[in-house]
Amino acid sequence: MSKKQKESILRHLQRIYCINSLTTNSICGLELTCDLAALDDEHLSSVLGYACHATLMISKYLQVALRYELVHSASRSLVRDCLSSNGTGYTYPLFRRETEQRCFDKAVTLLAADIEQLMCVHGLEYDSKLCMLRNLKVILSRT
């Protein structure tokens, strides 16, 4: 795939996901605050589902194999750590409902690590202080 084709696809993804990071951090009209605990469970899982799908699509079109496998299933998306010590791997949910908090926190951390990987592969500086949506927007607007 040529560089122009990749740029075109990324522009389309930017319009599809409509990531806004100027006044609020939002994706597809759903706001994500830095304090995840302040958000309703369904709202949060929907936002993370969109972020998971956007990350997955960016990695596909930029041809980057992600360290942590993303399983998009809308608001019930998952992150798999296939290289964990026991050989079978672990699956972490990107939703809070009926989930241990530590597993949810790990899933969010692994999703952020995949976003960081995408940025590093393309020479972009990852800022851990920024909301993950702002880092996604940087990928979509600068690659």
N, C-alpha and C. Protein backbone atom coordinates (compact mmCIF):
# COMPACT_ATOMS: atom_id res chain seq x y z
N MET A 1 0.85 -1.17 0.00
CA MET A 1 0.00 0.00 0.00
C MET A 1 0.90 1.24 0.00
N SER A 2 0.61 2.17 -0.87
CA SER A 2 1.44 3.36 -0.99
C SER A 2 1.19 4.32 0.18
N LYS A 3 2.12 5.24 0.32
CA LYS A 3 2.00 6.24 1.39
C LYS A 3 0.75 7.09 1.20
N LYS A 4 0.44 7.44 -0.04
CA LYS A 4 -0.75 8.25 -0.31
C LYS A 4 -2.03 7.50 0.05
N GLN A 5 -2.06 6.20 -0.23
CA GLN A 5 -3.23 5.39 0.11
C GLN A 5 -3.40 5.33 1.64
N LYS A 6 -2.29 5.14 2.35
CA LYS A 6 -2.35 5.10 3.81
C LYS A 6 -2.85 6.43 4.37
N GLU A 7 -2.33 7.52 3.84
CA GLU A 7 -2.77 8.84 4.30
C GLU A 7 -4.25 9.05 4.04
N SER A 8 -4.71 8.61 2.89
CA SER A 8 -6.13 8.73 2.56
C SER A 8 -6.99 7.92 3.52
N ILE A 9 -6.58 6.72 3.80
CA ILE A 9 -7.33 5.86 4.72
C ILE A 9 -7.36 6.47 6.12
N LEU A 10 -6.22 7.01 6.56
CA LEU A 10 -6.18 7.64 7.88
C LEU A 10 -7.09 8.86 7.95
N ARG A 11 -7.18 9.62 6.87
CA ARG A 11 -8.11 10.76 6.85
C ARG A 11 -9.55 10.28 6.96
N HIS A 12 -9.85 9.17 6.28
CA HIS A 12 -11.20 8.60 6.38
C HIS A 12 -11.47 8.12 7.81
N LEU A 13 -10.50 7.46 8.42
CA LEU A 13 -10.67 7.00 9.81
C LEU A 13 -10.87 8.19 10.75
N GLN A 14 -10.15 9.27 10.48
CA GLN A 14 -10.30 10.46 11.32
C GLN A 14 -11.73 11.00 11.23
N ARG A 15 -12.30 10.98 10.04
CA ARG A 15 -13.69 11.44 9.89
C ARG A 15 -14.69 10.46 10.50
N ILE A 16 -14.43 9.17 10.36
CA ILE A 16 -15.34 8.15 10.90
C ILE A 16 -15.40 8.23 12.42
N TYR A 17 -14.25 8.28 13.06
CA TYR A 17 -14.21 8.25 14.52
C TYR A 17 -14.38 9.62 15.15
N CYS A 18 -14.17 10.66 14.39
CA CYS A 18 -14.41 12.02 14.85
C CYS A 18 -13.84 12.24 16.26
N ILE A 19 -12.54 12.01 16.38
CA ILE A 19 -11.88 12.21 17.68
C ILE A 19 -11.67 13.70 17.87
N ASN A 20 -12.22 14.21 18.95
CA ASN A 20 -12.13 15.63 19.29
C ASN A 20 -11.28 15.75 20.54
N SER A 21 -10.23 16.55 20.46
CA SER A 21 -9.40 16.73 21.65
C SER A 21 -9.11 18.21 21.91
N LEU A 22 -9.86 19.09 21.27
CA LEU A 22 -9.63 20.51 21.48
C LEU A 22 -10.26 20.99 22.79
N THR A 23 -11.54 20.79 22.94
CA THR A 23 -12.22 21.24 24.16
C THR A 23 -12.47 20.08 25.12
N THR A 24 -12.86 18.94 24.57
CA THR A 24 -13.05 17.73 25.38
C THR A 24 -12.39 16.59 24.65
N ASN A 25 -12.17 15.50 25.33
CA ASN A 25 -11.65 14.29 24.69
C ASN A 25 -12.85 13.42 24.38
N SER A 26 -13.14 13.25 23.09
CA SER A 26 -14.30 12.44 22.72
C SER A 26 -14.02 11.69 21.44
N ILE A 27 -14.75 10.59 21.28
CA ILE A 27 -14.69 9.78 20.07
C ILE A 27 -16.13 9.41 19.73
N CYS A 28 -16.50 9.64 18.48
CA CYS A 28 -17.88 9.40 18.03
C CYS A 28 -18.90 10.08 18.93
N GLY A 29 -18.55 11.25 19.44
CA GLY A 29 -19.47 12.02 20.27
C GLY A 29 -19.52 11.62 21.73
N LEU A 30 -18.75 10.60 22.13
CA LEU A 30 -18.74 10.15 23.53
C LEU A 30 -17.49 10.68 24.22
N GLU A 31 -17.69 11.39 25.31
CA GLU A 31 -16.58 12.03 26.02
C GLU A 31 -15.84 11.03 26.91
N LEU A 32 -14.51 11.20 26.97
CA LEU A 32 -13.66 10.41 27.85
C LEU A 32 -12.87 11.37 28.72
N THR A 33 -13.13 11.33 30.02
CA THR A 33 -12.38 12.17 30.95
C THR A 33 -11.15 11.40 31.42
N CYS A 34 -10.20 12.11 32.00
CA CYS A 34 -9.01 11.44 32.52
C CYS A 34 -9.35 10.59 33.74
N ASP A 35 -10.41 10.96 34.44
CA ASP A 35 -10.87 10.20 35.60
C ASP A 35 -11.91 9.18 35.14
N LEU A 36 -11.45 7.96 34.84
CA LEU A 36 -12.35 6.93 34.32
C LEU A 36 -13.41 6.54 35.34
N ALA A 37 -13.10 6.67 36.63
CA ALA A 37 -14.04 6.28 37.68
C ALA A 37 -15.28 7.17 37.67
N ALA A 38 -15.16 8.37 37.11
CA ALA A 38 -16.28 9.31 37.10
C ALA A 38 -17.32 8.99 36.03
N LEU A 39 -16.99 8.07 35.12
CA LEU A 39 -17.89 7.78 34.01
C LEU A 39 -18.78 6.58 34.29
N ASP A 40 -19.99 6.63 33.75
CA ASP A 40 -20.93 5.52 33.80
C ASP A 40 -20.31 4.30 33.10
N ASP A 41 -20.57 3.09 33.62
CA ASP A 41 -19.97 1.87 33.08
C ASP A 41 -20.23 1.69 31.58
N GLU A 42 -21.47 1.85 31.15
CA GLU A 42 -21.81 1.64 29.74
C GLU A 42 -21.18 2.70 28.84
N HIS A 43 -21.17 3.93 29.31
CA HIS A 43 -20.55 5.02 28.55
C HIS A 43 -19.06 4.73 28.37
N LEU A 44 -18.40 4.38 29.46
CA LEU A 44 -16.96 4.11 29.43
C LEU A 44 -16.64 2.93 28.52
N SER A 45 -17.39 1.85 28.63
CA SER A 45 -17.11 0.68 27.80
C SER A 45 -17.37 0.98 26.32
N SER A 46 -18.32 1.84 26.02
CA SER A 46 -18.55 2.24 24.63
C SER A 46 -17.39 3.05 24.09
N VAL A 47 -16.91 4.00 24.87
CA VAL A 47 -15.76 4.82 24.46
C VAL A 47 -14.54 3.93 24.23
N LEU A 48 -14.28 3.02 25.16
CA LEU A 48 -13.12 2.14 25.02
C LEU A 48 -13.29 1.18 23.85
N GLY A 49 -14.51 0.77 23.56
CA GLY A 49 -14.77 -0.06 22.39
C GLY A 49 -14.44 0.68 21.10
N TYR A 50 -14.82 1.95 21.01
CA TYR A 50 -14.47 2.76 19.84
C TYR A 50 -12.96 2.95 19.75
N ALA A 51 -12.32 3.23 20.89
CA ALA A 51 -10.86 3.42 20.89
C ALA A 51 -10.15 2.13 20.48
N CYS A 52 -10.66 1.00 20.94
CA CYS A 52 -10.10 -0.30 20.57
C CYS A 52 -10.22 -0.51 19.06
N HIS A 53 -11.39 -0.24 18.52
CA HIS A 53 -11.60 -0.44 17.08
C HIS A 53 -10.74 0.52 16.26
N ALA A 54 -10.65 1.76 16.67
CA ALA A 54 -9.82 2.73 15.95
C ALA A 54 -8.35 2.28 15.97
N THR A 55 -7.88 1.84 17.11
CA THR A 55 -6.49 1.37 17.24
C THR A 55 -6.26 0.16 16.34
N LEU A 56 -7.20 -0.75 16.33
CA LEU A 56 -7.12 -1.94 15.50
C LEU A 56 -7.07 -1.57 14.01
N MET A 57 -7.92 -0.66 13.59
CA MET A 57 -7.95 -0.25 12.18
C MET A 57 -6.66 0.49 11.79
N ILE A 58 -6.19 1.35 12.67
CA ILE A 58 -4.94 2.07 12.38
C ILE A 58 -3.79 1.08 12.23
N SER A 59 -3.72 0.10 13.12
CA SER A 59 -2.63 -0.87 13.04
C SER A 59 -2.73 -1.70 11.76
N LYS A 60 -3.93 -2.02 11.37
CA LYS A 60 -4.13 -2.81 10.14
C LYS A 60 -3.66 -2.03 8.92
N TYR A 61 -4.11 -0.79 8.78
CA TYR A 61 -3.79 -0.03 7.59
C TYR A 61 -2.36 0.49 7.57
N LEU A 62 -1.75 0.66 8.74
CA LEU A 62 -0.34 1.05 8.79
C LEU A 62 0.57 -0.17 8.82
N GLN A 63 -0.03 -1.35 8.84
CA GLN A 63 0.69 -2.62 8.81
C GLN A 63 1.65 -2.76 9.99
N VAL A 64 1.10 -2.56 11.20
CA VAL A 64 1.87 -2.71 12.42
C VAL A 64 1.22 -3.82 13.25
N ALA A 65 2.00 -4.85 13.54
CA ALA A 65 1.51 -5.93 14.40
C ALA A 65 1.57 -5.44 15.85
N LEU A 66 0.44 -5.42 16.52
CA LEU A 66 0.38 -4.91 17.88
C LEU A 66 0.90 -5.94 18.89
N ARG A 67 1.54 -5.46 19.92
CA ARG A 67 2.06 -6.33 20.98
C ARG A 67 0.92 -7.04 21.70
N TYR A 68 -0.15 -6.32 21.98
CA TYR A 68 -1.30 -6.89 22.68
C TYR A 68 -2.46 -6.99 21.70
N GLU A 69 -3.00 -8.18 21.56
CA GLU A 69 -4.09 -8.42 20.61
C GLU A 69 -5.37 -7.73 21.07
N LEU A 70 -5.98 -7.00 20.17
CA LEU A 70 -7.24 -6.32 20.47
C LEU A 70 -8.37 -7.13 19.85
N VAL A 71 -9.40 -7.39 20.66
CA VAL A 71 -10.58 -8.12 20.19
C VAL A 71 -11.75 -7.16 20.28
N HIS A 72 -12.15 -6.62 19.12
CA HIS A 72 -13.23 -5.65 19.12
C HIS A 72 -14.57 -6.36 19.19
N SER A 73 -15.35 -5.98 20.15
CA SER A 73 -16.70 -6.49 20.30
C SER A 73 -17.57 -5.37 20.88
N ALA A 74 -17.50 -4.22 20.21
CA ALA A 74 -18.23 -3.02 20.62
C ALA A 74 -17.93 -2.69 22.09
N SER A 75 -18.96 -2.57 22.92
CA SER A 75 -18.74 -2.17 24.31
C SER A 75 -18.29 -3.34 25.19
N ARG A 76 -18.00 -4.47 24.59
CA ARG A 76 -17.49 -5.64 25.34
C ARG A 76 -16.17 -6.10 24.74
N SER A 77 -15.35 -5.15 24.33
CA SER A 77 -14.06 -5.45 23.72
C SER A 77 -13.07 -5.97 24.76
N LEU A 78 -12.04 -6.64 24.25
CA LEU A 78 -11.05 -7.29 25.11
C LEU A 78 -9.65 -6.98 24.61
N VAL A 79 -8.68 -7.17 25.52
CA VAL A 79 -7.27 -7.10 25.16
C VAL A 79 -6.64 -8.41 25.62
N ARG A 80 -5.88 -9.04 24.72
CA ARG A 80 -5.22 -10.30 25.07
C ARG A 80 -3.72 -10.09 25.14
N ASP A 81 -3.14 -10.60 26.22
CA ASP A 81 -1.70 -10.63 26.37
C ASP A 81 -1.28 -12.06 26.08
N CYS A 82 -0.99 -12.33 24.82
CA CYS A 82 -0.70 -13.70 24.38
C CYS A 82 0.70 -14.17 24.77
N LEU A 83 1.54 -13.26 25.19
CA LEU A 83 2.91 -13.61 25.51
C LEU A 83 3.17 -13.66 27.01
N SER A 84 2.12 -13.88 27.79
CA SER A 84 2.31 -13.93 29.24
C SER A 84 3.10 -15.18 29.62
N SER A 85 3.52 -15.24 30.85
CA SER A 85 4.46 -16.27 31.30
C SER A 85 3.93 -17.70 31.23
N ASN A 86 2.63 -17.91 31.28
CA ASN A 86 2.13 -19.29 31.30
C ASN A 86 1.92 -19.87 29.90
N GLY A 87 2.17 -19.10 28.88
CA GLY A 87 2.07 -19.60 27.52
C GLY A 87 0.68 -19.54 26.91
N THR A 88 -0.36 -19.53 27.71
CA THR A 88 -1.71 -19.47 27.16
C THR A 88 -2.22 -18.05 27.05
N GLY A 89 -1.63 -17.16 27.79
CA GLY A 89 -2.02 -15.76 27.73
C GLY A 89 -3.19 -15.44 28.64
N TYR A 90 -3.44 -14.16 28.77
CA TYR A 90 -4.53 -13.66 29.59
C TYR A 90 -5.41 -12.75 28.75
N THR A 91 -6.68 -12.72 29.06
CA THR A 91 -7.62 -11.83 28.40
C THR A 91 -8.15 -10.84 29.42
N TYR A 92 -8.10 -9.57 29.07
CA TYR A 92 -8.54 -8.51 29.97
C TYR A 92 -9.69 -7.74 29.33
N PRO A 93 -10.75 -7.49 30.07
CA PRO A 93 -11.93 -6.80 29.52
C PRO A 93 -11.78 -5.27 29.52
N LEU A 94 -12.24 -4.65 28.44
CA LEU A 94 -12.28 -3.19 28.36
C LEU A 94 -13.65 -2.67 28.81
N PHE A 95 -14.23 -3.34 29.79
CA PHE A 95 -15.49 -2.92 30.39
C PHE A 95 -15.43 -3.25 31.87
N ARG A 96 -16.13 -2.45 32.68
CA ARG A 96 -16.07 -2.60 34.14
C ARG A 96 -17.13 -3.50 34.72
N ARG A 97 -18.30 -3.54 34.10
CA ARG A 97 -19.41 -4.28 34.67
C ARG A 97 -19.05 -5.75 34.85
N GLU A 98 -19.26 -6.27 36.06
CA GLU A 98 -18.99 -7.66 36.42
C GLU A 98 -17.55 -8.07 36.14
N THR A 99 -16.64 -7.15 36.37
CA THR A 99 -15.22 -7.37 36.12
C THR A 99 -14.42 -6.90 37.32
N GLU A 100 -13.34 -7.63 37.63
CA GLU A 100 -12.44 -7.17 38.70
C GLU A 100 -11.76 -5.89 38.25
N GLN A 101 -11.65 -4.95 39.15
CA GLN A 101 -11.08 -3.64 38.83
C GLN A 101 -9.65 -3.78 38.30
N ARG A 102 -8.87 -4.66 38.88
CA ARG A 102 -7.47 -4.80 38.45
C ARG A 102 -7.38 -5.31 37.01
N CYS A 103 -8.31 -6.17 36.60
CA CYS A 103 -8.33 -6.68 35.23
C CYS A 103 -8.71 -5.58 34.24
N PHE A 104 -9.70 -4.78 34.62
CA PHE A 104 -10.10 -3.65 33.78
C PHE A 104 -8.96 -2.66 33.65
N ASP A 105 -8.32 -2.33 34.77
CA ASP A 105 -7.20 -1.39 34.74
C ASP A 105 -6.07 -1.90 33.84
N LYS A 106 -5.80 -3.20 33.91
CA LYS A 106 -4.76 -3.80 33.07
C LYS A 106 -5.13 -3.68 31.59
N ALA A 107 -6.40 -3.90 31.26
CA ALA A 107 -6.85 -3.79 29.87
C ALA A 107 -6.63 -2.38 29.34
N VAL A 108 -6.97 -1.38 30.14
CA VAL A 108 -6.79 0.02 29.73
C VAL A 108 -5.30 0.31 29.53
N THR A 109 -4.47 -0.21 30.42
CA THR A 109 -3.02 -0.03 30.32
C THR A 109 -2.47 -0.67 29.04
N LEU A 110 -2.95 -1.87 28.72
CA LEU A 110 -2.48 -2.57 27.52
C LEU A 110 -2.95 -1.88 26.24
N LEU A 111 -4.16 -1.36 26.24
CA LEU A 111 -4.65 -0.59 25.09
C LEU A 111 -3.78 0.65 24.89
N ALA A 112 -3.47 1.33 25.97
CA ALA A 112 -2.59 2.51 25.89
C ALA A 112 -1.21 2.12 25.38
N ALA A 113 -0.72 0.94 25.77
CA ALA A 113 0.59 0.46 25.29
C ALA A 113 0.56 0.21 23.79
N ASP A 114 -0.55 -0.32 23.27
CA ASP A 114 -0.67 -0.52 21.83
C ASP A 114 -0.68 0.82 21.09
N ILE A 115 -1.35 1.81 21.65
CA ILE A 115 -1.36 3.14 21.05
C ILE A 115 0.04 3.73 21.07
N GLU A 116 0.74 3.55 22.17
CA GLU A 116 2.12 4.02 22.27
C GLU A 116 3.00 3.34 21.22
N GLN A 117 2.82 2.04 21.03
CA GLN A 117 3.58 1.31 20.03
C GLN A 117 3.35 1.88 18.63
N LEU A 118 2.09 2.15 18.29
CA LEU A 118 1.79 2.73 16.98
C LEU A 118 2.50 4.07 16.80
N MET A 119 2.53 4.85 17.85
CA MET A 119 3.16 6.17 17.76
C MET A 119 4.68 6.03 17.59
N CYS A 120 5.27 5.13 18.37
CA CYS A 120 6.73 4.96 18.31
C CYS A 120 7.18 4.44 16.94
N VAL A 121 6.43 3.50 16.38
CA VAL A 121 6.76 2.94 15.07
C VAL A 121 6.81 4.03 14.01
N HIS A 122 5.99 5.05 14.16
CA HIS A 122 5.93 6.12 13.17
C HIS A 122 6.64 7.40 13.61
N GLY A 123 7.51 7.26 14.61
CA GLY A 123 8.35 8.38 15.02
C GLY A 123 7.61 9.49 15.74
N LEU A 124 6.46 9.17 16.30
CA LEU A 124 5.69 10.17 17.05
C LEU A 124 5.96 9.99 18.53
N GLU A 125 5.99 11.09 19.24
CA GLU A 125 6.25 11.03 20.67
C GLU A 125 4.97 10.77 21.45
N TYR A 126 4.98 9.70 22.24
CA TYR A 126 3.83 9.33 23.07
C TYR A 126 3.88 10.15 24.35
N ASP A 127 2.77 10.73 24.72
CA ASP A 127 2.70 11.51 25.95
C ASP A 127 1.75 10.81 26.91
N SER A 128 2.31 10.18 27.93
CA SER A 128 1.49 9.41 28.88
C SER A 128 0.57 10.30 29.72
N LYS A 129 0.85 11.60 29.74
CA LYS A 129 0.00 12.52 30.50
C LYS A 129 -1.29 12.83 29.75
N LEU A 130 -1.28 12.62 28.44
CA LEU A 130 -2.47 12.91 27.64
C LEU A 130 -3.45 11.75 27.69
N CYS A 131 -4.69 12.06 27.51
CA CYS A 131 -5.73 11.05 27.37
C CYS A 131 -5.42 10.21 26.14
N MET A 132 -5.76 8.91 26.18
CA MET A 132 -5.45 8.05 25.04
C MET A 132 -6.08 8.54 23.74
N LEU A 133 -7.22 9.22 23.83
CA LEU A 133 -7.84 9.73 22.61
C LEU A 133 -7.01 10.83 21.96
N ARG A 134 -6.34 11.62 22.76
CA ARG A 134 -5.47 12.66 22.19
C ARG A 134 -4.30 12.02 21.46
N ASN A 135 -3.75 10.94 22.03
CA ASN A 135 -2.66 10.25 21.36
C ASN A 135 -3.15 9.59 20.06
N LEU A 136 -4.35 9.03 20.06
CA LEU A 136 -4.92 8.49 18.82
C LEU A 136 -5.08 9.56 17.77
N LYS A 137 -5.54 10.72 18.20
CA LYS A 137 -5.72 11.84 17.25
C LYS A 137 -4.38 12.25 16.65
N VAL A 138 -3.33 12.23 17.45
CA VAL A 138 -2.00 12.57 16.93
C VAL A 138 -1.60 11.60 15.82
N ILE A 139 -1.87 10.30 16.02
CA ILE A 139 -1.54 9.31 14.99
C ILE A 139 -2.32 9.62 13.72
N LEU A 140 -3.60 9.86 13.84
CA LEU A 140 -4.44 10.07 12.67
C LEU A 140 -4.11 11.36 11.93
N SER A 141 -3.62 12.35 12.65
CA SER A 141 -3.39 13.64 12.00
C SER A 141 -1.95 13.83 11.55
N ARG A 142 -1.02 13.00 11.98
CA ARG A 142 0.38 13.26 11.64
C ARG A 142 1.07 12.16 10.85
N THR A 143 0.40 11.06 10.61
CA THR A 143 1.09 10.01 9.84
C THR A 143 0.73 10.09 8.39
